[in-house]
Amino acid sequence: MTGEPAFFEIGVEDPERGRAFYGALFGWSFEPGPSGGGSAIGTPGLPGGLHGGDPGASPYLFFLVDDMEAALARVRDLGGTVEEADVEGDDDSVRTFGRFRLCRDDQGSRFGLHQRPSPS
Protein backbone atom coordinates (compact mmCIF):
# COMPACT_ATOMS: atom_id res chain seq x y z
CA MET A 1 0.00 0.00 0.00
CA THR A 2 1.72 3.18 -1.13
CA GLY A 3 -0.76 5.76 0.21
CA GLU A 4 -0.14 8.34 -2.50
CA PRO A 5 -3.13 10.31 -3.82
CA ALA A 6 -4.39 8.38 -6.84
CA PHE A 7 -7.73 9.83 -7.90
CA PHE A 8 -10.36 12.40 -6.95
CA GLU A 9 -14.10 12.31 -7.46
CA ILE A 10 -16.59 15.19 -7.48
CA GLY A 11 -20.25 14.52 -6.75
CA VAL A 12 -22.86 16.93 -8.11
CA GLU A 13 -26.64 16.93 -8.57
CA ASP A 14 -26.55 17.37 -12.37
CA PRO A 15 -23.49 15.97 -14.20
CA GLU A 16 -24.08 18.06 -17.34
CA ARG A 17 -24.04 21.29 -15.30
CA GLY A 18 -21.03 20.01 -13.36
CA ARG A 19 -19.06 19.39 -16.56
CA ALA A 20 -19.97 22.87 -17.82
CA PHE A 21 -18.96 24.53 -14.54
CA TYR A 22 -15.64 22.74 -13.95
CA GLY A 23 -14.76 22.75 -17.65
CA ALA A 24 -15.18 26.53 -17.78
CA LEU A 25 -13.45 27.07 -14.43
CA PHE A 26 -10.38 24.87 -14.91
CA GLY A 27 -10.36 24.02 -18.63
CA TRP A 28 -10.84 20.32 -17.84
CA SER A 29 -11.90 17.86 -20.54
CA PHE A 30 -14.39 15.06 -19.90
CA GLU A 31 -14.78 11.55 -21.31
CA PRO A 32 -17.68 9.16 -20.64
CA GLY A 33 -17.15 7.40 -17.33
CA PRO A 34 -18.14 4.03 -15.92
CA SER A 35 -21.65 4.94 -14.76
CA GLY A 36 -24.67 6.64 -16.32
CA GLY A 37 -23.91 10.33 -16.72
CA GLY A 38 -20.50 10.04 -15.01
CA SER A 39 -17.31 11.32 -16.57
CA ALA A 40 -13.59 10.77 -16.37
CA ILE A 41 -11.90 14.16 -15.93
CA GLY A 42 -8.80 15.05 -17.93
CA THR A 43 -6.59 17.26 -15.77
CA PRO A 44 -2.93 18.17 -16.11
CA GLY A 45 -2.26 16.34 -12.83
CA LEU A 46 -4.21 13.86 -10.74
CA PRO A 47 -6.90 11.93 -12.67
CA GLY A 48 -10.48 12.49 -11.59
CA GLY A 49 -14.11 11.69 -12.08
CA LEU A 50 -17.47 13.42 -11.82
CA HIS A 51 -20.79 11.74 -10.99
CA GLY A 52 -24.37 12.91 -10.60
CA GLY A 53 -27.05 12.38 -8.00
CA ASP A 54 -24.83 13.52 -5.12
CA PRO A 55 -25.79 17.15 -4.39
CA GLY A 56 -23.55 19.09 -2.01
CA ALA A 57 -20.99 16.29 -1.73
CA SER A 58 -17.45 17.14 -0.73
CA PRO A 59 -14.84 15.92 -3.20
CA TYR A 60 -13.55 12.45 -2.43
CA LEU A 61 -9.80 11.80 -2.37
CA PHE A 62 -8.73 8.24 -3.13
CA PHE A 63 -5.37 6.86 -1.98
CA LEU A 64 -3.51 4.21 -3.96
CA VAL A 65 -3.29 0.68 -2.55
CA ASP A 66 -1.67 -2.43 -4.01
CA ASP A 67 -4.13 -4.93 -2.48
CA MET A 68 -7.69 -3.72 -1.90
CA GLU A 69 -8.76 -6.56 0.38
CA ALA A 70 -5.71 -6.19 2.63
CA ALA A 71 -6.18 -2.41 2.80
CA LEU A 72 -9.87 -2.75 3.71
CA ALA A 73 -8.98 -5.24 6.45
CA ARG A 74 -6.36 -2.79 7.78
CA VAL A 75 -8.92 0.06 7.83
CA ARG A 76 -11.21 -2.11 9.96
CA ASP A 77 -8.33 -3.25 12.21
CA LEU A 78 -7.48 0.39 12.92
CA GLY A 79 -11.06 1.21 13.97
CA GLY A 80 -12.21 2.67 10.66
CA THR A 81 -15.18 1.54 8.60
CA VAL A 82 -15.72 0.52 5.01
CA GLU A 83 -18.88 1.81 3.35
CA GLU A 84 -20.83 -1.00 1.78
CA ALA A 85 -22.01 0.98 -1.25
CA ASP A 86 -20.31 -0.26 -4.40
CA VAL A 87 -18.44 2.55 -6.16
CA GLU A 88 -16.63 0.22 -8.53
CA GLY A 89 -19.28 -0.39 -11.17
CA ASP A 90 -19.39 -3.40 -13.47
CA ASP A 91 -16.56 -5.72 -14.59
CA ASP A 92 -15.74 -3.53 -17.61
CA SER A 93 -15.34 -0.50 -15.32
CA VAL A 94 -13.04 -2.42 -12.96
CA ARG A 95 -10.89 -3.59 -15.91
CA THR A 96 -10.68 -0.01 -17.23
CA PHE A 97 -10.52 2.13 -14.08
CA GLY A 98 -9.63 -0.28 -11.26
CA ARG A 99 -11.31 -0.77 -7.89
CA PHE A 100 -12.59 2.00 -5.62
CA ARG A 101 -13.99 1.84 -2.06
CA LEU A 102 -15.14 4.60 0.25
CA CYS A 103 -14.08 4.38 3.88
CA ARG A 104 -14.15 6.41 7.08
CA ASP A 105 -11.26 6.73 9.50
CA ASP A 106 -11.62 6.04 13.23
CA GLN A 107 -12.99 9.58 13.71
CA GLY A 108 -15.55 9.40 10.90
CA SER A 109 -13.68 11.36 8.20
CA ARG A 110 -14.38 10.05 4.70
CA PHE A 111 -11.67 8.96 2.24
CA GLY A 112 -11.33 6.44 -0.56
CA LEU A 113 -9.01 3.64 -1.60
CA HIS A 114 -8.09 2.91 -5.23
CA GLN A 115 -6.44 -0.17 -6.67
CA ARG A 116 -5.30 0.28 -10.27
CA PRO A 117 -6.61 -2.15 -12.88
CA SER A 118 -4.66 -5.34 -13.39
CA PRO A 119 -2.40 -5.34 -16.45
CA SER A 120 -4.04 -7.18 -19.35
C-alpha atoms as a PDB file:
ATOM      1  CA  MET A   1       0.000   0.000   0.000  1.00  0.00           C
ATOM      2  CA  THR A   2       1.718   3.180  -1.129  1.00  0.00           C
ATOM      3  CA  GLY A   3      -0.758   5.759   0.206  1.00  0.00           C
ATOM      4  CA  GLU A   4      -0.138   8.344  -2.497  1.00  0.00           C
ATOM      5  CA  PRO A   5      -3.128  10.307  -3.822  1.00  0.00           C
ATOM      6  CA  ALA A   6      -4.386   8.381  -6.836  1.00  0.00           C
ATOM      7  CA  PHE A   7      -7.729   9.828  -7.902  1.00  0.00           C
ATOM      8  CA  PHE A   8     -10.357  12.397  -6.945  1.00  0.00           C
ATOM      9  CA  GLU A   9     -14.104  12.308  -7.462  1.00  0.00           C
ATOM     10  CA  ILE A  10     -16.588  15.187  -7.477  1.00  0.00           C
ATOM     11  CA  GLY A  11     -20.252  14.516  -6.748  1.00  0.00           C
ATOM     12  CA  VAL A  12     -22.857  16.927  -8.112  1.00  0.00           C
ATOM     13  CA  GLU A  13     -26.642  16.925  -8.571  1.00  0.00           C
ATOM     14  CA  ASP A  14     -26.548  17.370 -12.373  1.00  0.00           C
ATOM     15  CA  PRO A  15     -23.493  15.974 -14.198  1.00  0.00           C
ATOM     16  CA  GLU A  16     -24.080  18.064 -17.336  1.00  0.00           C
ATOM     17  CA  ARG A  17     -24.045  21.286 -15.302  1.00  0.00           C
ATOM     18  CA  GLY A  18     -21.029  20.007 -13.359  1.00  0.00           C
ATOM     19  CA  ARG A  19     -19.065  19.394 -16.559  1.00  0.00           C
ATOM     20  CA  ALA A  20     -19.967  22.873 -17.822  1.00  0.00           C
ATOM     21  CA  PHE A  21     -18.961  24.531 -14.535  1.00  0.00           C
ATOM     22  CA  TYR A  22     -15.642  22.742 -13.951  1.00  0.00           C
ATOM     23  CA  GLY A  23     -14.756  22.746 -17.647  1.00  0.00           C
ATOM     24  CA  ALA A  24     -15.176  26.531 -17.777  1.00  0.00           C
ATOM     25  CA  LEU A  25     -13.452  27.070 -14.430  1.00  0.00           C
ATOM     26  CA  PHE A  26     -10.378  24.871 -14.909  1.00  0.00           C
ATOM     27  CA  GLY A  27     -10.356  24.018 -18.630  1.00  0.00           C
ATOM     28  CA  TRP A  28     -10.836  20.319 -17.840  1.00  0.00           C
ATOM     29  CA  SER A  29     -11.901  17.860 -20.538  1.00  0.00           C
ATOM     30  CA  PHE A  30     -14.395  15.065 -19.899  1.00  0.00           C
ATOM     31  CA  GLU A  31     -14.784  11.548 -21.307  1.00  0.00           C
ATOM     32  CA  PRO A  32     -17.683   9.159 -20.637  1.00  0.00           C
ATOM     33  CA  GLY A  33     -17.154   7.401 -17.326  1.00  0.00           C
ATOM     34  CA  PRO A  34     -18.138   4.030 -15.922  1.00  0.00           C
ATOM     35  CA  SER A  35     -21.650   4.944 -14.755  1.00  0.00           C
ATOM     36  CA  GLY A  36     -24.666   6.640 -16.318  1.00  0.00           C
ATOM     37  CA  GLY A  37     -23.906  10.325 -16.719  1.00  0.00           C
ATOM     38  CA  GLY A  38     -20.505  10.036 -15.013  1.00  0.00           C
ATOM     39  CA  SER A  39     -17.313  11.322 -16.567  1.00  0.00           C
ATOM     40  CA  ALA A  40     -13.592  10.772 -16.369  1.00  0.00           C
ATOM     41  CA  ILE A  41     -11.902  14.157 -15.935  1.00  0.00           C
ATOM     42  CA  GLY A  42      -8.800  15.048 -17.931  1.00  0.00           C
ATOM     43  CA  THR A  43      -6.590  17.262 -15.769  1.00  0.00           C
ATOM     44  CA  PRO A  44      -2.926  18.169 -16.112  1.00  0.00           C
ATOM     45  CA  GLY A  45      -2.265  16.336 -12.831  1.00  0.00           C
ATOM     46  CA  LEU A  46      -4.214  13.858 -10.741  1.00  0.00           C
ATOM     47  CA  PRO A  47      -6.903  11.927 -12.668  1.00  0.00           C
ATOM     48  CA  GLY A  48     -10.477  12.491 -11.585  1.00  0.00           C
ATOM     49  CA  GLY A  49     -14.110  11.688 -12.075  1.00  0.00           C
ATOM     50  CA  LEU A  50     -17.471  13.423 -11.820  1.00  0.00           C
ATOM     51  CA  HIS A  51     -20.786  11.741 -10.988  1.00  0.00           C
ATOM     52  CA  GLY A  52     -24.370  12.914 -10.601  1.00  0.00           C
ATOM     53  CA  GLY A  53     -27.053  12.375  -8.002  1.00  0.00           C
ATOM     54  CA  ASP A  54     -24.834  13.522  -5.125  1.00  0.00           C
ATOM     55  CA  PRO A  55     -25.788  17.152  -4.393  1.00  0.00           C
ATOM     56  CA  GLY A  56     -23.546  19.086  -2.012  1.00  0.00           C
ATOM     57  CA  ALA A  57     -20.986  16.292  -1.726  1.00  0.00           C
ATOM     58  CA  SER A  58     -17.446  17.137  -0.729  1.00  0.00           C
ATOM     59  CA  PRO A  59     -14.837  15.924  -3.205  1.00  0.00           C
ATOM     60  CA  TYR A  60     -13.546  12.451  -2.433  1.00  0.00           C
ATOM     61  CA  LEU A  61      -9.797  11.797  -2.369  1.00  0.00           C
ATOM     62  CA  PHE A  62      -8.726   8.243  -3.132  1.00  0.00           C
ATOM     63  CA  PHE A  63      -5.374   6.858  -1.982  1.00  0.00           C
ATOM     64  CA  LEU A  64      -3.515   4.205  -3.963  1.00  0.00           C
ATOM     65  CA  VAL A  65      -3.290   0.682  -2.552  1.00  0.00           C
ATOM     66  CA  ASP A  66      -1.669  -2.431  -4.011  1.00  0.00           C
ATOM     67  CA  ASP A  67      -4.127  -4.927  -2.478  1.00  0.00           C
ATOM     68  CA  MET A  68      -7.687  -3.717  -1.900  1.00  0.00           C
ATOM     69  CA  GLU A  69      -8.765  -6.560   0.376  1.00  0.00           C
ATOM     70  CA  ALA A  70      -5.709  -6.189   2.628  1.00  0.00           C
ATOM     71  CA  ALA A  71      -6.176  -2.411   2.799  1.00  0.00           C
ATOM     72  CA  LEU A  72      -9.868  -2.748   3.711  1.00  0.00           C
ATOM     73  CA  ALA A  73      -8.982  -5.236   6.452  1.00  0.00           C
ATOM     74  CA  ARG A  74      -6.361  -2.795   7.780  1.00  0.00           C
ATOM     75  CA  VAL A  75      -8.917   0.059   7.826  1.00  0.00           C
ATOM     76  CA  ARG A  76     -11.209  -2.115   9.959  1.00  0.00           C
ATOM     77  CA  ASP A  77      -8.334  -3.254  12.215  1.00  0.00           C
ATOM     78  CA  LEU A  78      -7.484   0.391  12.923  1.00  0.00           C
ATOM     79  CA  GLY A  79     -11.061   1.205  13.965  1.00  0.00           C
ATOM     80  CA  GLY A  80     -12.212   2.667  10.661  1.00  0.00           C
ATOM     81  CA  THR A  81     -15.185   1.541   8.604  1.00  0.00           C
ATOM     82  CA  VAL A  82     -15.723   0.524   5.008  1.00  0.00           C
ATOM     83  CA  GLU A  83     -18.875   1.806   3.350  1.00  0.00           C
ATOM     84  CA  GLU A  84     -20.833  -1.001   1.779  1.00  0.00           C
ATOM     85  CA  ALA A  85     -22.014   0.983  -1.250  1.00  0.00           C
ATOM     86  CA  ASP A  86     -20.313  -0.261  -4.404  1.00  0.00           C
ATOM     87  CA  VAL A  87     -18.440   2.546  -6.162  1.00  0.00           C
ATOM     88  CA  GLU A  88     -16.631   0.223  -8.535  1.00  0.00           C
ATOM     89  CA  GLY A  89     -19.283  -0.391 -11.169  1.00  0.00           C
ATOM     90  CA  ASP A  90     -19.388  -3.398 -13.468  1.00  0.00           C
ATOM     91  CA  ASP A  91     -16.560  -5.723 -14.588  1.00  0.00           C
ATOM     92  CA  ASP A  92     -15.735  -3.526 -17.605  1.00  0.00           C
ATOM     93  CA  SER A  93     -15.341  -0.503 -15.320  1.00  0.00           C
ATOM     94  CA  VAL A  94     -13.043  -2.423 -12.961  1.00  0.00           C
ATOM     95  CA  ARG A  95     -10.892  -3.586 -15.905  1.00  0.00           C
ATOM     96  CA  THR A  96     -10.680  -0.007 -17.228  1.00  0.00           C
ATOM     97  CA  PHE A  97     -10.524   2.125 -14.081  1.00  0.00           C
ATOM     98  CA  GLY A  98      -9.630  -0.284 -11.262  1.00  0.00           C
ATOM     99  CA  ARG A  99     -11.307  -0.771  -7.889  1.00  0.00           C
ATOM    100  CA  PHE A 100     -12.594   1.997  -5.620  1.00  0.00           C
ATOM    101  CA  ARG A 101     -13.991   1.842  -2.065  1.00  0.00           C
ATOM    102  CA  LEU A 102     -15.136   4.602   0.248  1.00  0.00           C
ATOM    103  CA  CYS A 103     -14.079   4.381   3.880  1.00  0.00           C
ATOM    104  CA  ARG A 104     -14.146   6.410   7.082  1.00  0.00           C
ATOM    105  CA  ASP A 105     -11.258   6.729   9.500  1.00  0.00           C
ATOM    106  CA  ASP A 106     -11.615   6.042  13.229  1.00  0.00           C
ATOM    107  CA  GLN A 107     -12.995   9.579  13.707  1.00  0.00           C
ATOM    108  CA  GLY A 108     -15.546   9.396  10.899  1.00  0.00           C
ATOM    109  CA  SER A 109     -13.684  11.361   8.197  1.00  0.00           C
ATOM    110  CA  ARG A 110     -14.381  10.050   4.702  1.00  0.00           C
ATOM    111  CA  PHE A 111     -11.672   8.959   2.235  1.00  0.00           C
ATOM    112  CA  GLY A 112     -11.328   6.442  -0.558  1.00  0.00           C
ATOM    113  CA  LEU A 113      -9.015   3.635  -1.603  1.00  0.00           C
ATOM    114  CA  HIS A 114      -8.094   2.914  -5.229  1.00  0.00           C
ATOM    115  CA  GLN A 115      -6.435  -0.167  -6.672  1.00  0.00           C
ATOM    116  CA  ARG A 116      -5.298   0.282 -10.267  1.00  0.00           C
ATOM    117  CA  PRO A 117      -6.605  -2.148 -12.885  1.00  0.00           C
ATOM    118  CA  SER A 118      -4.659  -5.342 -13.385  1.00  0.00           C
ATOM    119  CA  PRO A 119      -2.404  -5.343 -16.454  1.00  0.00           C
ATOM    120  CA  SER A 120      -4.038  -7.182 -19.347  1.00  0.00           C
END
